[in-house]
């Protein structure tokens, strides 16, 4: 299994991780951090990479859990949709991918966790990723960063915890070993370039870029799906 905070239409590496495990938990009952991927991501444009950001009230950014954060207004939804349409108007699969994302941009959801979940779930379905998706608050767990992750692994019966490489600096692997749970470090090295608009290849962008340019062929650019 893997455990990770939700992100706004995240990059393809996020989906590679989801596809590589049997169970994935959105870890959104932890503190929201400003300037992170929870409420923003990057698309390609003719003038370079551009951020799409879900605006949230400043008062909600301090000591609030991710799952408690609401967007500031609803205007951003049409703005983001228009920017995607404008900058990817030459992409081959614009109409096909719009059929997936337009209903999400058109609904009245205001919590960023739920907005993120809707995009991630819909994209997983499009890619044929059948990993079980749940929330961290669906399970009982102990306090403590590593302790809580161990408890979540136990709750779903996982024998292996797959973690992103950034966690090497803080994860207490010994606690997992004591619980009989193996730890594997996920690698994004297998992500190969794909056809893009707007100049030389840039990989650290929203998965929308891959979907809009490659459509159904996107699966071959996500190693845990195609291997």
Protein backbone atom coordinates (compact mmCIF):
# COMPACT_ATOMS: atom_id res chain seq x y z
CA UNK A 1 0.00 0.00 0.00
CA UNK A 2 0.92 3.67 -0.27
CA UNK A 3 -0.19 6.69 1.77
CA UNK A 4 0.03 10.22 0.40
CA UNK A 5 -1.64 13.60 0.69
CA UNK A 6 -4.02 14.43 -2.14
CA UNK A 7 -2.90 16.83 -4.85
CA UNK A 8 -4.65 18.93 -7.46
CA UNK A 9 -4.58 16.97 -10.75
CA UNK A 10 -1.11 15.64 -9.84
CA UNK A 11 1.77 14.66 -12.11
CA UNK A 12 1.92 11.20 -13.68
CA UNK A 13 4.38 9.95 -11.05
CA UNK A 14 1.55 10.17 -8.52
CA UNK A 15 -0.54 7.83 -10.67
CA UNK A 16 2.44 5.54 -11.23
CA UNK A 17 2.64 5.13 -7.44
CA UNK A 18 -1.11 4.51 -7.13
CA UNK A 19 -1.00 1.89 -9.88
CA UNK A 20 1.92 0.07 -8.22
CA UNK A 21 -0.01 -0.81 -5.04
CA UNK A 22 -3.19 -2.65 -4.05
CA UNK A 23 -4.46 0.04 -1.66
CA UNK A 24 -3.89 3.80 -1.57
CA UNK A 25 -4.83 6.10 1.31
CA UNK A 26 -5.30 9.85 0.96
CA UNK A 27 -3.56 11.31 4.01
CA UNK A 28 -5.56 14.52 4.22
CA UNK A 29 -6.24 14.88 7.95
CA UNK A 30 -2.82 16.48 8.42
CA UNK A 31 -1.93 20.17 8.35
CA UNK A 32 -2.36 22.10 5.11
CA UNK A 33 0.86 23.73 3.91
CA UNK A 34 0.84 26.80 1.71
CA UNK A 35 2.73 26.72 -1.57
CA UNK A 36 2.49 22.95 -1.94
CA UNK A 37 0.69 20.68 -4.44
CA UNK A 38 -2.55 20.34 -2.47
CA UNK A 39 -4.30 23.17 -4.32
CA UNK A 40 -2.18 23.85 -7.39
CA UNK A 41 -0.33 22.30 -10.31
CA UNK A 42 1.41 23.21 -13.56
CA UNK A 43 0.34 23.06 -17.20
CA UNK A 44 2.34 23.76 -20.36
CA UNK A 45 1.72 26.94 -22.36
CA UNK A 46 3.37 28.61 -25.35
CA UNK A 47 5.03 31.05 -22.93
CA UNK A 48 6.30 28.39 -20.54
CA UNK A 49 4.96 26.43 -17.54
CA UNK A 50 2.04 28.11 -15.75
CA UNK A 51 0.42 27.44 -12.39
CA UNK A 52 -3.24 26.61 -11.99
CA UNK A 53 -4.08 27.43 -8.37
CA UNK A 54 -7.27 26.85 -6.37
CA UNK A 55 -7.60 29.99 -4.21
CA UNK A 56 -8.16 29.41 -0.50
CA UNK A 57 -8.83 32.01 2.22
CA UNK A 58 -5.72 33.13 4.12
CA UNK A 59 -7.41 32.41 7.45
CA UNK A 60 -7.81 28.77 6.38
CA UNK A 61 -4.11 28.27 5.71
CA UNK A 62 -2.99 28.31 9.33
CA UNK A 63 -3.34 25.27 11.57
CA UNK A 64 -6.01 23.73 9.37
CA UNK A 65 -6.11 20.18 8.08
CA UNK A 66 -6.12 19.66 4.33
CA UNK A 67 -9.59 18.10 4.54
CA UNK A 68 -10.91 21.26 6.24
CA UNK A 69 -9.79 23.67 3.51
CA UNK A 70 -12.43 25.15 1.21
CA UNK A 71 -11.80 27.09 -1.97
CA UNK A 72 -12.29 30.84 -1.77
CA UNK A 73 -14.88 31.03 -4.56
CA UNK A 74 -16.15 29.08 -7.56
CA UNK A 75 -14.81 31.39 -10.29
CA UNK A 76 -11.48 29.55 -10.48
CA UNK A 77 -13.16 26.49 -11.96
CA UNK A 78 -14.18 28.19 -15.19
CA UNK A 79 -10.87 30.06 -15.31
CA UNK A 80 -8.86 26.81 -15.09
CA UNK A 81 -11.04 25.09 -17.65
CA UNK A 82 -10.64 28.01 -20.06
CA UNK A 83 -6.85 28.06 -19.62
CA UNK A 84 -6.62 24.35 -20.30
CA UNK A 85 -8.78 24.70 -23.40
CA UNK A 86 -6.78 27.69 -24.67
CA UNK A 87 -3.32 26.19 -24.17
CA UNK A 88 -4.19 22.69 -25.39
CA UNK A 89 -6.49 23.61 -28.27
CA UNK A 90 -4.06 21.87 -30.66
CA UNK A 91 -3.88 18.68 -28.63
CA UNK A 92 -5.35 15.58 -30.24
CA UNK A 93 -7.41 14.45 -27.25
CA UNK A 94 -8.84 17.73 -25.97
CA UNK A 95 -12.48 16.73 -26.52
CA UNK A 96 -12.03 13.26 -25.03
CA UNK A 97 -10.34 14.52 -21.85
CA UNK A 98 -12.78 17.41 -21.48
CA UNK A 99 -15.55 14.83 -21.21
CA UNK A 100 -13.78 13.61 -18.05
CA UNK A 101 -12.82 16.88 -16.38
CA UNK A 102 -15.69 19.18 -17.36
CA UNK A 103 -18.25 17.57 -14.99
CA UNK A 104 -15.82 18.00 -12.09
CA UNK A 105 -15.17 21.64 -12.91
CA UNK A 106 -18.91 22.15 -13.30
CA UNK A 107 -20.05 20.77 -9.93
CA UNK A 108 -20.39 22.75 -6.71
CA UNK A 109 -17.82 20.95 -4.53
CA UNK A 110 -15.81 23.39 -2.37
CA UNK A 111 -13.48 21.21 -0.24
CA UNK A 112 -10.11 20.81 -1.95
CA UNK A 113 -9.66 17.24 -0.67
CA UNK A 114 -12.87 16.17 -2.35
CA UNK A 115 -12.07 18.11 -5.51
CA UNK A 116 -8.67 16.41 -5.69
CA UNK A 117 -10.26 13.02 -5.07
CA UNK A 118 -12.77 13.52 -7.89
CA UNK A 119 -10.02 14.29 -10.41
CA UNK A 120 -7.74 11.48 -9.24
CA UNK A 121 -10.51 8.87 -9.19
CA UNK A 122 -11.79 9.84 -12.64
CA UNK A 123 -8.29 9.78 -14.14
CA UNK A 124 -7.58 6.39 -12.53
CA UNK A 125 -10.74 5.04 -14.14
CA UNK A 126 -9.70 6.44 -17.54
CA UNK A 127 -6.27 4.81 -17.21
CA UNK A 128 -7.70 1.52 -15.98
CA UNK A 129 -6.09 1.76 -12.53
CA UNK A 130 -8.14 -0.38 -10.14
CA UNK A 131 -6.31 0.39 -6.88
CA UNK A 132 -8.61 0.81 -3.88
CA UNK A 133 -8.75 4.48 -2.79
CA UNK A 134 -9.69 5.41 0.80
CA UNK A 135 -9.19 8.22 3.33
CA UNK A 136 -6.92 8.17 6.38
CA UNK A 137 -9.84 9.02 8.67
CA UNK A 138 -11.59 5.83 7.64
CA UNK A 139 -9.27 3.97 10.04
CA UNK A 140 -8.21 4.20 13.68
CA UNK A 141 -4.54 5.03 14.20
CA UNK A 142 -2.05 6.19 16.81
CA UNK A 143 -0.35 9.60 17.03
CA UNK A 144 3.18 9.94 15.72
CA UNK A 145 4.28 10.27 12.11
CA UNK A 146 5.66 6.79 11.52
CA UNK A 147 3.43 5.13 14.13
CA UNK A 148 0.32 6.31 12.36
CA UNK A 149 1.51 5.04 8.99
CA UNK A 150 2.20 1.63 10.53
CA UNK A 151 -1.33 1.54 11.99
CA UNK A 152 -2.84 2.42 8.61
CA UNK A 153 -0.87 -0.39 6.98
CA UNK A 154 -2.14 -2.79 9.62
CA UNK A 155 -5.71 -1.57 9.14
CA UNK A 156 -5.76 -2.61 5.48
CA UNK A 157 -3.72 -5.76 6.00
CA UNK A 158 -0.71 -4.52 4.02
CA UNK A 159 2.53 -6.47 4.18
CA UNK A 160 4.53 -3.82 2.31
CA UNK A 161 4.53 -0.02 2.57
CA UNK A 162 5.62 1.74 -0.62
CA UNK A 163 6.93 5.24 0.05
CA UNK A 164 8.21 8.07 -2.07
CA UNK A 165 11.98 8.71 -1.76
CA UNK A 166 11.47 12.03 0.07
CA UNK A 167 10.36 10.14 3.21
CA UNK A 168 13.80 8.60 3.71
CA UNK A 169 14.73 11.58 5.89
CA UNK A 170 12.04 10.97 8.51
CA UNK A 171 10.46 7.52 8.18
CA UNK A 172 11.25 5.15 11.08
CA UNK A 173 11.73 1.93 9.11
CA UNK A 174 12.37 0.02 12.33
CA UNK A 175 8.75 0.48 13.44
CA UNK A 176 7.56 -1.11 10.21
CA UNK A 177 9.96 -4.00 10.59
CA UNK A 178 8.76 -4.61 14.16
CA UNK A 179 5.20 -4.81 12.81
CA UNK A 180 6.22 -7.28 10.10
CA UNK A 181 5.71 -4.73 7.33
CA UNK A 182 8.33 -4.29 4.64
CA UNK A 183 9.28 -0.84 3.32
CA UNK A 184 10.02 -0.21 -0.36
CA UNK A 185 11.21 3.10 -1.81
CA UNK A 186 9.39 4.03 -4.98
CA UNK A 187 11.44 5.30 -7.92
CA UNK A 188 10.27 7.64 -10.66
CA UNK A 189 13.30 6.91 -12.85
CA UNK A 190 11.25 4.85 -15.32
CA UNK A 191 9.15 7.81 -16.48
CA UNK A 192 10.08 8.38 -20.11
CA UNK A 193 9.34 11.44 -22.28
CA UNK A 194 6.14 11.60 -24.30
CA UNK A 195 4.95 13.89 -27.15
CA UNK A 196 4.26 17.41 -25.85
CA UNK A 197 3.19 20.78 -27.18
CA UNK A 198 5.12 23.99 -26.50
CA UNK A 199 8.79 23.18 -26.85
CA UNK A 200 11.28 20.84 -25.19
CA UNK A 201 10.04 18.13 -22.85
CA UNK A 202 9.08 18.97 -19.28
CA UNK A 203 8.01 16.07 -17.05
CA UNK A 204 7.03 17.78 -13.79
CA UNK A 205 3.60 18.98 -14.89
CA UNK A 206 0.03 17.89 -14.24
CA UNK A 207 -0.93 14.53 -15.76
CA UNK A 208 -3.45 16.53 -17.82
CA UNK A 209 -0.56 17.31 -20.15
CA UNK A 210 0.02 13.60 -20.83
CA UNK A 211 -3.68 12.82 -21.19
CA UNK A 212 -4.40 15.69 -23.56
CA UNK A 213 -1.43 14.88 -25.79
CA UNK A 214 -1.51 11.07 -25.78
CA UNK A 215 -5.03 10.08 -24.70
CA UNK A 216 -5.53 6.29 -24.42
CA UNK A 217 -1.83 5.81 -25.14
CA UNK A 218 -1.01 7.45 -21.79
CA UNK A 219 -0.85 4.01 -20.16
CA UNK A 220 2.40 3.19 -21.94
CA UNK A 221 4.06 6.18 -20.25
CA UNK A 222 3.19 5.00 -16.72
CA UNK A 223 5.63 2.16 -15.94
CA UNK A 224 3.60 0.38 -13.24
CA UNK A 225 0.69 0.04 -15.70
CA UNK A 226 2.54 -1.09 -18.79
CA UNK A 227 5.08 -3.40 -17.09
